[in-house]
PDB file of N, CA and C in Angstrom:
ATOM      1  N   MET A   1       6.619 -13.731  -1.777  1.00  0.00           N
ATOM      2  CA  MET A   1       5.944 -12.659  -2.447  1.00  0.00           C
ATOM      3  C   MET A   1       5.393 -13.116  -3.791  1.00  0.00           C
ATOM      4  N   GLU A   2       6.127 -13.947  -4.462  1.00  0.00           N
ATOM      5  CA  GLU A   2       5.738 -14.385  -5.792  1.00  0.00           C
ATOM      6  C   GLU A   2       4.445 -15.177  -5.796  1.00  0.00           C
ATOM      7  N   LYS A   3       4.110 -15.798  -4.673  1.00  0.00           N
ATOM      8  CA  LYS A   3       2.911 -16.628  -4.621  1.00  0.00           C
ATOM      9  C   LYS A   3       1.646 -15.811  -4.841  1.00  0.00           C
ATOM     10  N   TYR A   4       1.564 -14.619  -4.259  1.00  0.00           N
ATOM     11  CA  TYR A   4       0.352 -13.812  -4.347  1.00  0.00           C
ATOM     12  C   TYR A   4       0.462 -12.668  -5.352  1.00  0.00           C
ATOM     13  N   TRP A   5       1.611 -11.968  -5.348  1.00  0.00           N
ATOM     14  CA  TRP A   5       1.769 -10.786  -6.175  1.00  0.00           C
ATOM     15  C   TRP A   5       1.722 -11.173  -7.646  1.00  0.00           C
ATOM     16  N   TYR A   6       0.871 -10.548  -8.393  1.00  0.00           N
ATOM     17  CA  TYR A   6       0.612 -10.765  -9.813  1.00  0.00           C
ATOM     18  C   TYR A   6      -0.191 -12.031 -10.096  1.00  0.00           C
ATOM     19  N   ASN A   7      -0.286 -12.974  -9.176  1.00  0.00           N
ATOM     20  CA  ASN A   7      -1.135 -14.130  -9.388  1.00  0.00           C
ATOM     21  C   ASN A   7      -2.560 -13.840  -8.941  1.00  0.00           C
ATOM     22  N   TYR A   8      -2.714 -13.211  -7.804  1.00  0.00           N
ATOM     23  CA  TYR A   8      -4.044 -12.904  -7.275  1.00  0.00           C
ATOM     24  C   TYR A   8      -4.263 -11.404  -7.118  1.00  0.00           C
ATOM     25  N   ILE A   9      -3.211 -10.697  -6.787  1.00  0.00           N
ATOM     26  CA  ILE A   9      -3.294  -9.257  -6.542  1.00  0.00           C
ATOM     27  C   ILE A   9      -2.042  -8.601  -7.075  1.00  0.00           C
ATOM     28  N   GLY A  10      -2.004  -7.287  -7.016  1.00  0.00           N
ATOM     29  CA  GLY A  10      -0.793  -6.579  -7.378  1.00  0.00           C
ATOM     30  C   GLY A  10      -0.695  -6.173  -8.834  1.00  0.00           C
ATOM     31  N   GLY A  11      -1.753  -6.296  -9.590  1.00  0.00           N
ATOM     32  CA  GLY A  11      -1.668  -5.972 -11.005  1.00  0.00           C
ATOM     33  C   GLY A  11      -2.396  -4.706 -11.403  1.00  0.00           C
ATOM     34  N   THR A  12      -2.639  -3.813 -10.467  1.00  0.00           N
ATOM     35  CA  THR A  12      -3.386  -2.599 -10.783  1.00  0.00           C
ATOM     36  C   THR A  12      -2.462  -1.379 -10.788  1.00  0.00           C
ATOM     37  N   ASP A  13      -2.987  -0.282 -11.304  1.00  0.00           N
ATOM     38  CA  ASP A  13      -2.237   0.979 -11.232  1.00  0.00           C
ATOM     39  C   ASP A  13      -1.962   1.347  -9.780  1.00  0.00           C
ATOM     40  N   ASP A  14      -2.931   1.063  -8.897  1.00  0.00           N
ATOM     41  CA  ASP A  14      -2.747   1.346  -7.477  1.00  0.00           C
ATOM     42  C   ASP A  14      -1.602   0.532  -6.887  1.00  0.00           C
ATOM     43  N   SER A  15      -1.414  -0.682  -7.384  1.00  0.00           N
ATOM     44  CA  SER A  15      -0.302  -1.520  -6.921  1.00  0.00           C
ATOM     45  C   SER A  15       1.030  -0.860  -7.237  1.00  0.00           C
ATOM     46  N   LEU A  16       1.142  -0.347  -8.444  1.00  0.00           N
ATOM     47  CA  LEU A  16       2.380   0.313  -8.846  1.00  0.00           C
ATOM     48  C   LEU A  16       2.603   1.596  -8.045  1.00  0.00           C
ATOM     49  N   THR A  17       1.528   2.324  -7.777  1.00  0.00           N
ATOM     50  CA  THR A  17       1.640   3.537  -6.969  1.00  0.00           C
ATOM     51  C   THR A  17       2.076   3.192  -5.552  1.00  0.00           C
ATOM     52  N   LEU A  18       1.547   2.090  -5.012  1.00  0.00           N
ATOM     53  CA  LEU A  18       1.948   1.648  -3.680  1.00  0.00           C
ATOM     54  C   LEU A  18       3.432   1.286  -3.648  1.00  0.00           C
ATOM     55  N   VAL A  19       3.895   0.572  -4.638  1.00  0.00           N
ATOM     56  CA  VAL A  19       5.316   0.210  -4.699  1.00  0.00           C
ATOM     57  C   VAL A  19       6.171   1.478  -4.781  1.00  0.00           C
ATOM     58  N   ASP A  20       5.748   2.440  -5.584  1.00  0.00           N
ATOM     59  CA  ASP A  20       6.471   3.720  -5.657  1.00  0.00           C
ATOM     60  C   ASP A  20       6.496   4.413  -4.297  1.00  0.00           C
ATOM     61  N   TYR A  21       5.352   4.409  -3.612  1.00  0.00           N
ATOM     62  CA  TYR A  21       5.268   5.019  -2.277  1.00  0.00           C
ATOM     63  C   TYR A  21       6.255   4.354  -1.320  1.00  0.00           C
ATOM     64  N   LEU A  22       6.242   3.029  -1.271  1.00  0.00           N
ATOM     65  CA  LEU A  22       7.121   2.304  -0.357  1.00  0.00           C
ATOM     66  C   LEU A  22       8.590   2.556  -0.691  1.00  0.00           C
ATOM     67  N   TYR A  23       8.913   2.583  -1.967  1.00  0.00           N
ATOM     68  CA  TYR A  23      10.287   2.856  -2.386  1.00  0.00           C
ATOM     69  C   TYR A  23      10.691   4.274  -1.985  1.00  0.00           C
ATOM     70  N   ASP A  24       9.800   5.224  -2.186  1.00  0.00           N
ATOM     71  CA  ASP A  24      10.084   6.615  -1.862  1.00  0.00           C
ATOM     72  C   ASP A  24      10.326   6.809  -0.362  1.00  0.00           C
ATOM     73  N   LYS A  25       9.667   6.014   0.473  1.00  0.00           N
ATOM     74  CA  LYS A  25       9.859   6.129   1.922  1.00  0.00           C
ATOM     75  C   LYS A  25      11.276   5.736   2.317  1.00  0.00           C
ATOM     76  N   GLY A  26      11.881   4.806   1.593  1.00  0.00           N
ATOM     77  CA  GLY A  26      13.270   4.440   1.838  1.00  0.00           C
ATOM     78  C   GLY A  26      13.537   3.794   3.182  1.00  0.00           C
ATOM     79  N   LYS A  27      12.543   3.111   3.728  1.00  0.00           N
ATOM     80  CA  LYS A  27      12.695   2.468   5.035  1.00  0.00           C
ATOM     81  C   LYS A  27      12.526   0.958   4.903  1.00  0.00           C
ATOM     82  N   ALA A  28      13.237   0.227   5.737  1.00  0.00           N
ATOM     83  CA  ALA A  28      13.088  -1.229   5.751  1.00  0.00           C
ATOM     84  C   ALA A  28      11.790  -1.640   6.445  1.00  0.00           C
ATOM     85  N   GLU A  29      11.367  -0.857   7.416  1.00  0.00           N
ATOM     86  CA  GLU A  29      10.119  -1.118   8.133  1.00  0.00           C
ATOM     87  C   GLU A  29       9.300   0.157   8.164  1.00  0.00           C
ATOM     88  N   LEU A  30       7.983  -0.026   8.051  1.00  0.00           N
ATOM     89  CA  LEU A  30       7.084   1.114   8.010  1.00  0.00           C
ATOM     90  C   LEU A  30       5.811   0.750   8.756  1.00  0.00           C
ATOM     91  N   PRO A  31       5.444   1.500   9.785  1.00  0.00           N
ATOM     92  CA  PRO A  31       4.216   1.177  10.527  1.00  0.00           C
ATOM     93  C   PRO A  31       2.978   1.335   9.641  1.00  0.00           C
ATOM     94  N   LEU A  32       2.042   0.436   9.802  1.00  0.00           N
ATOM     95  CA  LEU A  32       0.794   0.500   9.042  1.00  0.00           C
ATOM     96  C   LEU A  32       0.083   1.823   9.298  1.00  0.00           C
ATOM     97  N   SER A  33       0.169   2.323  10.517  1.00  0.00           N
ATOM     98  CA  SER A  33      -0.472   3.604  10.849  1.00  0.00           C
ATOM     99  C   SER A  33       0.094   4.744   9.995  1.00  0.00           C
ATOM    100  N   GLU A  34       1.377   4.700   9.706  1.00  0.00           N
ATOM    101  CA  GLU A  34       1.996   5.724   8.861  1.00  0.00           C
ATOM    102  C   GLU A  34       1.508   5.610   7.420  1.00  0.00           C
ATOM    103  N   ILE A  35       1.396   4.390   6.929  1.00  0.00           N
ATOM    104  CA  ILE A  35       0.890   4.167   5.574  1.00  0.00           C
ATOM    105  C   ILE A  35      -0.545   4.665   5.470  1.00  0.00           C
ATOM    106  N   PHE A  36      -1.372   4.324   6.461  1.00  0.00           N
ATOM    107  CA  PHE A  36      -2.769   4.774   6.458  1.00  0.00           C
ATOM    108  C   PHE A  36      -2.844   6.296   6.494  1.00  0.00           C
ATOM    109  N   SER A  37      -2.011   6.919   7.285  1.00  0.00           N
ATOM    110  CA  SER A  37      -1.997   8.376   7.390  1.00  0.00           C
ATOM    111  C   SER A  37      -1.517   9.022   6.090  1.00  0.00           C
ATOM    112  N   ASP A  38      -0.430   8.517   5.545  1.00  0.00           N
ATOM    113  CA  ASP A  38       0.161   9.094   4.335  1.00  0.00           C
ATOM    114  C   ASP A  38      -0.740   8.959   3.105  1.00  0.00           C
ATOM    115  N   THR A  39      -1.493   7.866   3.011  1.00  0.00           N
ATOM    116  CA  THR A  39      -2.278   7.594   1.804  1.00  0.00           C
ATOM    117  C   THR A  39      -3.727   8.057   1.888  1.00  0.00           C
ATOM    118  N   GLY A  40      -4.204   8.344   3.085  1.00  0.00           N
ATOM    119  CA  GLY A  40      -5.599   8.740   3.256  1.00  0.00           C
ATOM    120  C   GLY A  40      -6.500   7.598   3.691  1.00  0.00           C
ATOM    121  N   LEU A  41      -5.975   6.375   3.762  1.00  0.00           N
ATOM    122  CA  LEU A  41      -6.796   5.238   4.205  1.00  0.00           C
ATOM    123  C   LEU A  41      -7.318   5.438   5.622  1.00  0.00           C
ATOM    124  N   GLY A  42      -6.562   6.114   6.443  1.00  0.00           N
ATOM    125  CA  GLY A  42      -6.956   6.335   7.831  1.00  0.00           C
ATOM    126  C   GLY A  42      -8.234   7.131   7.975  1.00  0.00           C
ATOM    127  N   LYS A  43      -8.550   7.969   7.004  1.00  0.00           N
ATOM    128  CA  LYS A  43      -9.766   8.783   7.046  1.00  0.00           C
ATOM    129  C   LYS A  43     -11.024   7.993   6.694  1.00  0.00           C
ATOM    130  N   LEU A  44     -10.861   6.774   6.196  1.00  0.00           N
ATOM    131  CA  LEU A  44     -12.002   5.988   5.725  1.00  0.00           C
ATOM    132  C   LEU A  44     -12.652   5.156   6.826  1.00  0.00           C
ATOM    133  N   ASN A  45     -12.053   5.116   8.008  1.00  0.00           N
ATOM    134  CA  ASN A  45     -12.594   4.336   9.128  1.00  0.00           C
ATOM    135  C   ASN A  45     -12.894   2.888   8.740  1.00  0.00           C
ATOM    136  N   TRP A  46     -11.948   2.274   8.042  1.00  0.00           N
ATOM    137  CA  TRP A  46     -12.023   0.869   7.623  1.00  0.00           C
ATOM    138  C   TRP A  46     -13.133   0.589   6.615  1.00  0.00           C
ATOM    139  N   ASP A  47     -13.723   1.615   6.014  1.00  0.00           N
ATOM    140  CA  ASP A  47     -14.740   1.427   4.966  1.00  0.00           C
ATOM    141  C   ASP A  47     -14.043   1.563   3.620  1.00  0.00           C
ATOM    142  N   PHE A  48     -13.543   0.468   3.103  1.00  0.00           N
ATOM    143  CA  PHE A  48     -12.767   0.494   1.875  1.00  0.00           C
ATOM    144  C   PHE A  48     -13.636   0.416   0.620  1.00  0.00           C
ATOM    145  N   HIS A  49     -14.946   0.554   0.791  1.00  0.00           N
ATOM    146  CA  HIS A  49     -15.851   0.596  -0.359  1.00  0.00           C
ATOM    147  C   HIS A  49     -15.845   1.975  -1.006  1.00  0.00           C
ATOM    148  N   THR A  50     -15.380   2.982  -0.275  1.00  0.00           N
ATOM    149  CA  THR A  50     -15.287   4.331  -0.815  1.00  0.00           C
ATOM    150  C   THR A  50     -13.821   4.651  -1.077  1.00  0.00           C
ATOM    151  N   SER A  51     -13.569   5.611  -1.937  1.00  0.00           N
ATOM    152  CA  SER A  51     -12.184   5.908  -2.290  1.00  0.00           C
ATOM    153  C   SER A  51     -11.919   7.404  -2.466  1.00  0.00           C
ATOM    154  N   PRO A  52     -12.424   8.254  -1.582  1.00  0.00           N
ATOM    155  CA  PRO A  52     -12.194   9.688  -1.779  1.00  0.00           C
ATOM    156  C   PRO A  52     -10.808  10.126  -1.303  1.00  0.00           C
ATOM    157  N   ASP A  53     -10.167  10.962  -2.092  1.00  0.00           N
ATOM    158  CA  ASP A  53      -8.927  11.639  -1.690  1.00  0.00           C
ATOM    159  C   ASP A  53      -7.818  10.711  -1.210  1.00  0.00           C
ATOM    160  N   LEU A  54      -7.603   9.617  -1.908  1.00  0.00           N
ATOM    161  CA  LEU A  54      -6.494   8.729  -1.565  1.00  0.00           C
ATOM    162  C   LEU A  54      -5.288   9.136  -2.389  1.00  0.00           C
ATOM    163  N   GLU A  55      -4.243   9.548  -1.712  1.00  0.00           N
ATOM    164  CA  GLU A  55      -3.053  10.007  -2.399  1.00  0.00           C
ATOM    165  C   GLU A  55      -1.890  10.089  -1.426  1.00  0.00           C
ATOM    166  N   TYR A  56      -0.704  10.224  -1.976  1.00  0.00           N
ATOM    167  CA  TYR A  56       0.459  10.531  -1.148  1.00  0.00           C
ATOM    168  C   TYR A  56       1.314  11.541  -1.888  1.00  0.00           C
ATOM    169  N   THR A  57       2.094  12.258  -1.149  1.00  0.00           N
ATOM    170  CA  THR A  57       3.020  13.228  -1.715  1.00  0.00           C
ATOM    171  C   THR A  57       4.425  12.674  -1.542  1.00  0.00           C
ATOM    172  N   ASP A  58       5.145  12.560  -2.651  1.00  0.00           N
ATOM    173  CA  ASP A  58       6.478  11.961  -2.589  1.00  0.00           C
ATOM    174  C   ASP A  58       7.506  12.954  -2.048  1.00  0.00           C
ATOM    175  N   SER A  59       8.735  12.499  -1.943  1.00  0.00           N
ATOM    176  CA  SER A  59       9.804  13.304  -1.346  1.00  0.00           C
ATOM    177  C   SER A  59      10.150  14.541  -2.172  1.00  0.00           C
ATOM    178  N   GLU A  60       9.704  14.575  -3.413  1.00  0.00           N
ATOM    179  CA  GLU A  60       9.940  15.741  -4.260  1.00  0.00           C
ATOM    180  C   GLU A  60       8.730  16.671  -4.301  1.00  0.00           C
ATOM    181  N   GLY A  61       7.698  16.363  -3.506  1.00  0.00           N
ATOM    182  CA  GLY A  61       6.513  17.209  -3.426  1.00  0.00           C
ATOM    183  C   GLY A  61       5.452  16.922  -4.468  1.00  0.00           C
ATOM    184  N   GLU A  62       5.618  15.847  -5.231  1.00  0.00           N
ATOM    185  CA  GLU A  62       4.648  15.487  -6.265  1.00  0.00           C
ATOM    186  C   GLU A  62       3.561  14.592  -5.678  1.00  0.00           C
ATOM    187  N   CYS A  63       2.324  14.852  -6.051  1.00  0.00           N
ATOM    188  CA  CYS A  63       1.177  14.103  -5.534  1.00  0.00           C
ATOM    189  C   CYS A  63       0.856  12.932  -6.462  1.00  0.00           C
ATOM    190  N   HIS A  64       0.589  11.759  -5.861  1.00  0.00           N
ATOM    191  CA  HIS A  64       0.231  10.552  -6.611  1.00  0.00           C
ATOM    192  C   HIS A  64      -1.073  10.000  -6.040  1.00  0.00           C
ATOM    193  N   GLU A  65      -2.042   9.755  -6.908  1.00  0.00           N
ATOM    194  CA  GLU A  65      -3.361   9.292  -6.472  1.00  0.00           C
ATOM    195  C   GLU A  65      -3.483   7.776  -6.481  1.00  0.00           C
ATOM    196  N   PHE A  66      -4.264   7.285  -5.535  1.00  0.00           N
ATOM    197  CA  PHE A  66      -4.726   5.903  -5.533  1.00  0.00           C
ATOM    198  C   PHE A  66      -6.191   5.958  -5.941  1.00  0.00           C
ATOM    199  N   TYR A  67      -6.622   5.054  -6.812  1.00  0.00           N
ATOM    200  CA  TYR A  67      -7.984   5.112  -7.332  1.00  0.00           C
ATOM    201  C   TYR A  67      -8.993   4.338  -6.488  1.00  0.00           C
ATOM    202  N   TYR A  68      -8.581   3.179  -5.970  1.00  0.00           N
ATOM    203  CA  TYR A  68      -9.526   2.320  -5.246  1.00  0.00           C
ATOM    204  C   TYR A  68      -8.947   1.887  -3.905  1.00  0.00           C
ATOM    205  N   ALA A  69      -9.633   2.241  -2.857  1.00  0.00           N
ATOM    206  CA  ALA A  69      -9.195   1.884  -1.508  1.00  0.00           C
ATOM    207  C   ALA A  69      -9.069   0.378  -1.342  1.00  0.00           C
ATOM    208  N   ILE A  70      -9.987  -0.372  -1.902  1.00  0.00           N
ATOM    209  CA  ILE A  70      -9.973  -1.830  -1.723  1.00  0.00           C
ATOM    210  C   ILE A  70      -8.734  -2.447  -2.364  1.00  0.00           C
ATOM    211  N   ASP A  71      -8.301  -1.927  -3.517  1.00  0.00           N
ATOM    212  CA  ASP A  71      -7.069  -2.431  -4.142  1.00  0.00           C
ATOM    213  C   ASP A  71      -5.856  -2.133  -3.272  1.00  0.00           C
ATOM    214  N   LEU A  72      -5.812  -0.937  -2.736  1.00  0.00           N
ATOM    215  CA  LEU A  72      -4.702  -0.544  -1.867  1.00  0.00           C
ATOM    216  C   LEU A  72      -4.671  -1.401  -0.602  1.00  0.00           C
ATOM    217  N   ALA A  73      -5.833  -1.607   0.015  1.00  0.00           N
ATOM    218  CA  ALA A  73      -5.916  -2.423   1.234  1.00  0.00           C
ATOM    219  C   ALA A  73      -5.534  -3.878   0.953  1.00  0.00           C
ATOM    220  N   THR A  74      -5.971  -4.404  -0.168  1.00  0.00           N
ATOM    221  CA  THR A  74      -5.654  -5.795  -0.530  1.00  0.00           C
ATOM    222  C   THR A  74      -4.156  -5.955  -0.784  1.00  0.00           C
ATOM    223  N   ASP A  75      -3.574  -5.015  -1.513  1.00  0.00           N
ATOM    224  CA  ASP A  75      -2.129  -5.072  -1.765  1.00  0.00           C
ATOM    225  C   ASP A  75      -1.331  -4.979  -0.468  1.00  0.00           C
ATOM    226  N   LEU A  76      -1.745  -4.097   0.422  1.00  0.00           N
ATOM    227  CA  LEU A  76      -1.067  -3.980   1.717  1.00  0.00           C
ATOM    228  C   LEU A  76      -1.174  -5.277   2.511  1.00  0.00           C
ATOM    229  N   ALA A  77      -2.353  -5.883   2.510  1.00  0.00           N
ATOM    230  CA  ALA A  77      -2.539  -7.146   3.238  1.00  0.00           C
ATOM    231  C   ALA A  77      -1.604  -8.226   2.699  1.00  0.00           C
ATOM    232  N   ALA A  78      -1.475  -8.307   1.391  1.00  0.00           N
ATOM    233  CA  ALA A  78      -0.588  -9.310   0.789  1.00  0.00           C
ATOM    234  C   ALA A  78       0.869  -9.033   1.133  1.00  0.00           C
ATOM    235  N   LEU A  79       1.263  -7.775   1.100  1.00  0.00           N
ATOM    236  CA  LEU A  79       2.639  -7.427   1.449  1.00  0.00           C
ATOM    237  C   LEU A  79       2.941  -7.752   2.908  1.00  0.00           C
ATOM    238  N   ILE A  80       1.991  -7.466   3.778  1.00  0.00           N
ATOM    239  CA  ILE A  80       2.174  -7.770   5.195  1.00  0.00           C
ATOM    240  C   ILE A  80       2.271  -9.277   5.411  1.00  0.00           C
ATOM    241  N   LEU A  81       1.388 -10.027   4.769  1.00  0.00           N
ATOM    242  CA  LEU A  81       1.410 -11.492   4.895  1.00  0.00           C
ATOM    243  C   LEU A  81       2.735 -12.059   4.410  1.00  0.00           C
ATOM    244  N   GLU A  82       3.163 -11.635   3.253  1.00  0.00           N
ATOM    245  CA  GLU A  82       4.418 -12.144   2.709  1.00  0.00           C
ATOM    246  C   GLU A  82       5.621 -11.710   3.542  1.00  0.00           C
ATOM    247  N   SER A  83       5.584 -10.485   4.073  1.00  0.00           N
ATOM    248  CA  SER A  83       6.685 -10.013   4.917  1.00  0.00           C
ATOM    249  C   SER A  83       6.783 -10.820   6.193  1.00  0.00           C
ATOM    250  N   LYS A  84       5.643 -11.068   6.813  1.00  0.00           N
ATOM    251  CA  LYS A  84       5.633 -11.860   8.059  1.00  0.00           C
ATOM    252  C   LYS A  84       6.093 -13.281   7.778  1.00  0.00           C
ATOM    253  N   LYS A  85       5.684 -13.815   6.655  1.00  0.00           N
ATOM    254  CA  LYS A  85       6.069 -15.167   6.285  1.00  0.00           C
ATOM    255  C   LYS A  85       7.580 -15.233   6.043  1.00  0.00           C
ATOM    256  N   ALA A  86       8.127 -14.233   5.392  1.00  0.00           N
ATOM    257  CA  ALA A  86       9.567 -14.203   5.102  1.00  0.00           C
ATOM    258  C   ALA A  86      10.377 -14.052   6.388  1.00  0.00           C
ATOM    259  N   VAL A  87       9.905 -13.217   7.309  1.00  0.00           N
ATOM    260  CA  VAL A  87      10.609 -13.023   8.587  1.00  0.00           C
ATOM    261  C   VAL A  87      10.560 -14.305   9.407  1.00  0.00           C
ATOM    262  N   GLY A  88       9.444 -15.001   9.376  1.00  0.00           N
ATOM    263  CA  GLY A  88       9.300 -16.235  10.134  1.00  0.00           C
ATOM    264  C   GLY A  88      10.143 -17.373   9.602  1.00  0.00           C
ATOM    265  N   SER A  89      10.547 -17.310   8.340  1.00  0.00           N
ATOM    266  CA  SER A  89      11.309 -18.397   7.757  1.00  0.00           C
ATOM    267  C   SER A  89      12.814 -18.201   7.879  1.00  0.00           C
ATOM    268  N   THR A  90      13.247 -17.069   8.440  1.00  0.00           N
ATOM    269  CA  THR A  90      14.687 -16.840   8.584  1.00  0.00           C
ATOM    270  C   THR A  90      15.200 -17.325   9.906  1.00  0.00           C
TER     271      THR A  90
END
C-alpha cells in the first residue's frame, strides 16, 4: 500500500472520505458493485469525467460527499491493486 498511497494517489479530500467510508462499512471484503452503488459511481456509466451526486450515508445517517469521480476511481483502483498484491504474497 505504501508504494502508491500518498506517493502517487491518496492525498485528496476524496481519499479521506473513501477511507472513512471503508472503515464505516466494517467489512474485511467489499464488492466493487456495492462501493459503486453506495457512492453513486454506478450511475456514471464509467464516465468518471463528471462528478454529480457522489456521496455516501454513514451508519449514523450522516451524508458525506465525494468531489471528483476520477479521484475516487483512482483511489479504488490503487486499493484493489494493493489488496490483490498483498493477498498474492501470503
